[in-house]
Amino acid sequence: MRRNFAAIIVKNDEIISTGYTGAPRGRANCSDLGVCRREELKIPRGTRYELCRSVHAEQNAIISARRNDMIGSTLYLVGKEVSNGELVNNASPCSLCKRFIINSGIDKVIIRDSKIQYKIVYVEEWIENDDSLQSDGGY
């Protein structure tokens, strides 16, 4: 109900996996329920994800792929604000998604930041700078 995100994992010009933000299989999405618990509680962006019923796009893409296929791959991430249809400004994987990405073997993350701009993050930088795995706003 707040933001829609999608992720695509690509290696050697081949799509390995895709994922989107949504409730786990068999559970209703917030949009189906008509309420977002985090929005209801006015929880700021990037915090208290344990209250969210969704699985992030990056997580869904990663759990749908074989690790061997992801080693050395690139994850593309884009998000849109539901309220106005604009791309999410300063989008970034949350700290939990960063850990998933590191363990998956993905080399870099390319985030669409605006209609003409992309942010490229090399996963090795997250590994070298352990502090970057703390809560930093994420989505």
C-alpha atoms as a PDB file:
ATOM      1  CA  MET A   1       0.000   0.000   0.000  1.00  0.00           C
ATOM      2  CA  ARG A   2       3.023   2.289   0.429  1.00  0.00           C
ATOM      3  CA  ARG A   3       5.499   1.218  -2.246  1.00  0.00           C
ATOM      4  CA  ASN A   4       5.668  -1.377  -4.991  1.00  0.00           C
ATOM      5  CA  PHE A   5       9.106  -2.888  -5.614  1.00  0.00           C
ATOM      6  CA  ALA A   6      10.361  -5.334  -8.205  1.00  0.00           C
ATOM      7  CA  ALA A   7      13.707  -7.118  -8.530  1.00  0.00           C
ATOM      8  CA  ILE A   8      15.323  -9.000 -11.394  1.00  0.00           C
ATOM      9  CA  ILE A   9      18.501 -11.074 -11.096  1.00  0.00           C
ATOM     10  CA  VAL A  10      20.511 -11.257 -14.327  1.00  0.00           C
ATOM     11  CA  LYS A  11      23.676 -13.148 -15.246  1.00  0.00           C
ATOM     12  CA  ASN A  12      25.321 -13.288 -18.677  1.00  0.00           C
ATOM     13  CA  ASP A  13      22.363 -11.428 -20.240  1.00  0.00           C
ATOM     14  CA  GLU A  14      19.920 -14.055 -18.943  1.00  0.00           C
ATOM     15  CA  ILE A  15      17.189 -13.504 -16.377  1.00  0.00           C
ATOM     16  CA  ILE A  16      17.859 -15.881 -13.489  1.00  0.00           C
ATOM     17  CA  SER A  17      14.936 -14.874 -11.279  1.00  0.00           C
ATOM     18  CA  THR A  18      12.362 -12.176 -10.554  1.00  0.00           C
ATOM     19  CA  GLY A  19      10.606 -11.050  -7.413  1.00  0.00           C
ATOM     20  CA  TYR A  20       8.172  -8.455  -6.155  1.00  0.00           C
ATOM     21  CA  THR A  21       7.163  -7.185  -2.752  1.00  0.00           C
ATOM     22  CA  GLY A  22       4.120  -9.016  -1.444  1.00  0.00           C
ATOM     23  CA  ALA A  23       2.713 -11.189   1.284  1.00  0.00           C
ATOM     24  CA  PRO A  24       3.983 -14.773   1.623  1.00  0.00           C
ATOM     25  CA  ARG A  25       2.165 -17.379  -0.452  1.00  0.00           C
ATOM     26  CA  GLY A  26      -1.286 -18.078   0.889  1.00  0.00           C
ATOM     27  CA  ARG A  27      -1.503 -14.874   2.942  1.00  0.00           C
ATOM     28  CA  ALA A  28      -3.436 -11.739   1.973  1.00  0.00           C
ATOM     29  CA  ASN A  29      -1.558  -8.617   0.885  1.00  0.00           C
ATOM     30  CA  CYS A  30      -2.119  -5.347   2.735  1.00  0.00           C
ATOM     31  CA  SER A  31      -3.859  -4.023  -0.371  1.00  0.00           C
ATOM     32  CA  ASP A  32      -6.339  -6.923  -0.126  1.00  0.00           C
ATOM     33  CA  LEU A  33      -6.897  -6.235   3.573  1.00  0.00           C
ATOM     34  CA  GLY A  34      -7.171  -2.475   3.051  1.00  0.00           C
ATOM     35  CA  VAL A  35      -4.696  -1.686   5.821  1.00  0.00           C
ATOM     36  CA  CYS A  36      -0.926  -1.438   6.208  1.00  0.00           C
ATOM     37  CA  ARG A  37       0.083  -2.061   9.820  1.00  0.00           C
ATOM     38  CA  ARG A  38       3.241   0.067   9.530  1.00  0.00           C
ATOM     39  CA  GLU A  39       1.322   2.948   7.950  1.00  0.00           C
ATOM     40  CA  GLU A  40      -1.440   2.641  10.546  1.00  0.00           C
ATOM     41  CA  LEU A  41       1.205   3.017  13.286  1.00  0.00           C
ATOM     42  CA  LYS A  42       2.983   5.833  11.370  1.00  0.00           C
ATOM     43  CA  ILE A  43       6.254   3.903  11.351  1.00  0.00           C
ATOM     44  CA  PRO A  44       8.972   5.721   9.378  1.00  0.00           C
ATOM     45  CA  ARG A  45      10.474   4.288   6.208  1.00  0.00           C
ATOM     46  CA  GLY A  46      13.263   1.795   6.816  1.00  0.00           C
ATOM     47  CA  THR A  47      12.269   0.748  10.324  1.00  0.00           C
ATOM     48  CA  ARG A  48      10.283  -1.966  12.123  1.00  0.00           C
ATOM     49  CA  TYR A  49      10.007  -4.361   9.184  1.00  0.00           C
ATOM     50  CA  GLU A  50       9.040  -7.142  11.583  1.00  0.00           C
ATOM     51  CA  LEU A  51       5.561  -5.569  11.604  1.00  0.00           C
ATOM     52  CA  CYS A  52       5.252  -5.772   7.811  1.00  0.00           C
ATOM     53  CA  ARG A  53       3.460  -8.772   6.319  1.00  0.00           C
ATOM     54  CA  SER A  54       5.390  -8.540   3.032  1.00  0.00           C
ATOM     55  CA  VAL A  55       8.434 -10.337   1.710  1.00  0.00           C
ATOM     56  CA  HIS A  56      10.728  -7.878  -0.091  1.00  0.00           C
ATOM     57  CA  ALA A  57      11.301  -8.075  -3.844  1.00  0.00           C
ATOM     58  CA  GLU A  58      14.992  -8.905  -3.394  1.00  0.00           C
ATOM     59  CA  GLN A  59      14.164 -11.751  -0.991  1.00  0.00           C
ATOM     60  CA  ASN A  60      11.549 -13.213  -3.345  1.00  0.00           C
ATOM     61  CA  ALA A  61      13.970 -13.091  -6.286  1.00  0.00           C
ATOM     62  CA  ILE A  62      16.745 -14.714  -4.239  1.00  0.00           C
ATOM     63  CA  ILE A  63      14.631 -17.552  -2.828  1.00  0.00           C
ATOM     64  CA  SER A  64      13.377 -18.353  -6.335  1.00  0.00           C
ATOM     65  CA  ALA A  65      16.883 -18.857  -7.771  1.00  0.00           C
ATOM     66  CA  ARG A  66      19.683 -21.379  -7.357  1.00  0.00           C
ATOM     67  CA  ARG A  67      22.683 -19.923  -5.543  1.00  0.00           C
ATOM     68  CA  ASN A  68      25.040 -21.295  -8.181  1.00  0.00           C
ATOM     69  CA  ASP A  69      23.201 -19.222 -10.801  1.00  0.00           C
ATOM     70  CA  MET A  70      23.375 -16.063  -8.665  1.00  0.00           C
ATOM     71  CA  ILE A  71      27.140 -16.110  -8.061  1.00  0.00           C
ATOM     72  CA  GLY A  72      28.552 -13.158 -10.009  1.00  0.00           C
ATOM     73  CA  SER A  73      25.110 -11.904 -11.057  1.00  0.00           C
ATOM     74  CA  THR A  74      23.497  -8.465 -10.950  1.00  0.00           C
ATOM     75  CA  LEU A  75      20.285  -7.600  -9.119  1.00  0.00           C
ATOM     76  CA  TYR A  76      18.179  -4.777 -10.586  1.00  0.00           C
ATOM     77  CA  LEU A  77      15.781  -3.045  -8.195  1.00  0.00           C
ATOM     78  CA  VAL A  78      13.056  -0.474  -8.814  1.00  0.00           C
ATOM     79  CA  GLY A  79      10.271   0.901  -6.651  1.00  0.00           C
ATOM     80  CA  LYS A  80       7.265   3.142  -7.153  1.00  0.00           C
ATOM     81  CA  GLU A  81       5.391   5.201  -4.600  1.00  0.00           C
ATOM     82  CA  VAL A  82       1.758   4.076  -4.588  1.00  0.00           C
ATOM     83  CA  SER A  83       0.510   7.548  -3.602  1.00  0.00           C
ATOM     84  CA  ASN A  84       1.853   9.350  -6.679  1.00  0.00           C
ATOM     85  CA  GLY A  85       3.331   6.752  -9.076  1.00  0.00           C
ATOM     86  CA  GLU A  86       6.804   8.306  -8.822  1.00  0.00           C
ATOM     87  CA  LEU A  87       9.947   6.213  -8.537  1.00  0.00           C
ATOM     88  CA  VAL A  88      11.062   5.768  -4.923  1.00  0.00           C
ATOM     89  CA  ASN A  89      13.706   8.382  -4.178  1.00  0.00           C
ATOM     90  CA  ASN A  90      16.949   7.090  -2.613  1.00  0.00           C
ATOM     91  CA  ALA A  91      15.766   3.476  -2.717  1.00  0.00           C
ATOM     92  CA  SER A  92      18.117   0.966  -1.146  1.00  0.00           C
ATOM     93  CA  PRO A  93      17.846  -2.599   0.121  1.00  0.00           C
ATOM     94  CA  CYS A  94      17.104  -2.800   3.843  1.00  0.00           C
ATOM     95  CA  SER A  95      19.724  -4.311   6.160  1.00  0.00           C
ATOM     96  CA  LEU A  96      18.103  -7.772   6.048  1.00  0.00           C
ATOM     97  CA  CYS A  97      17.954  -7.740   2.234  1.00  0.00           C
ATOM     98  CA  LYS A  98      21.621  -6.699   2.137  1.00  0.00           C
ATOM     99  CA  ARG A  99      22.476  -9.841   4.105  1.00  0.00           C
ATOM    100  CA  PHE A 100      20.416 -11.970   1.703  1.00  0.00           C
ATOM    101  CA  ILE A 101      22.191 -10.359  -1.263  1.00  0.00           C
ATOM    102  CA  ILE A 102      25.650 -10.919   0.233  1.00  0.00           C
ATOM    103  CA  ASN A 103      24.941 -14.590   0.989  1.00  0.00           C
ATOM    104  CA  SER A 104      23.432 -15.194  -2.446  1.00  0.00           C
ATOM    105  CA  GLY A 105      26.680 -14.386  -4.263  1.00  0.00           C
ATOM    106  CA  ILE A 106      25.265 -11.433  -6.216  1.00  0.00           C
ATOM    107  CA  ASP A 107      28.070  -9.054  -7.297  1.00  0.00           C
ATOM    108  CA  LYS A 108      26.255  -5.777  -7.776  1.00  0.00           C
ATOM    109  CA  VAL A 109      22.912  -4.084  -7.313  1.00  0.00           C
ATOM    110  CA  ILE A 110      21.611  -1.513  -9.780  1.00  0.00           C
ATOM    111  CA  ILE A 111      18.832   0.645  -8.379  1.00  0.00           C
ATOM    112  CA  ARG A 112      16.644   2.853 -10.538  1.00  0.00           C
ATOM    113  CA  ASP A 113      16.653   6.135  -8.635  1.00  0.00           C
ATOM    114  CA  SER A 114      14.881   8.385 -11.118  1.00  0.00           C
ATOM    115  CA  LYS A 115      13.637   8.263 -14.698  1.00  0.00           C
ATOM    116  CA  ILE A 116      17.167   8.872 -15.983  1.00  0.00           C
ATOM    117  CA  GLN A 117      19.453   7.943 -13.095  1.00  0.00           C
ATOM    118  CA  TYR A 118      20.679   4.636 -11.675  1.00  0.00           C
ATOM    119  CA  LYS A 119      22.676   3.924  -8.531  1.00  0.00           C
ATOM    120  CA  ILE A 120      25.216   1.090  -8.788  1.00  0.00           C
ATOM    121  CA  VAL A 121      26.306  -0.637  -5.587  1.00  0.00           C
ATOM    122  CA  TYR A 122      29.053  -3.254  -5.513  1.00  0.00           C
ATOM    123  CA  VAL A 123      28.194  -5.865  -2.885  1.00  0.00           C
ATOM    124  CA  GLU A 124      31.867  -6.142  -1.930  1.00  0.00           C
ATOM    125  CA  GLU A 125      31.524  -2.621  -0.440  1.00  0.00           C
ATOM    126  CA  TRP A 126      28.862  -3.913   1.977  1.00  0.00           C
ATOM    127  CA  ILE A 127      31.174  -6.751   2.987  1.00  0.00           C
ATOM    128  CA  GLU A 128      34.145  -4.438   3.522  1.00  0.00           C
ATOM    129  CA  ASN A 129      32.070  -1.898   5.454  1.00  0.00           C
ATOM    130  CA  ASP A 130      30.172  -3.964   8.019  1.00  0.00           C
ATOM    131  CA  ASP A 131      28.505  -0.828   9.399  1.00  0.00           C
ATOM    132  CA  SER A 132      26.502  -0.513   6.177  1.00  0.00           C
ATOM    133  CA  LEU A 133      24.492  -3.562   7.247  1.00  0.00           C
ATOM    134  CA  GLN A 134      22.868  -1.616  10.070  1.00  0.00           C
ATOM    135  CA  SER A 135      19.446  -0.085   9.523  1.00  0.00           C
ATOM    136  CA  ASP A 136      19.962   2.706   7.024  1.00  0.00           C
ATOM    137  CA  GLY A 137      16.497   3.542   5.872  1.00  0.00           C
ATOM    138  CA  GLY A 138      16.153   0.839   3.247  1.00  0.00           C
ATOM    139  CA  TYR A 139      13.087   1.007   1.064  1.00  0.00           C
END
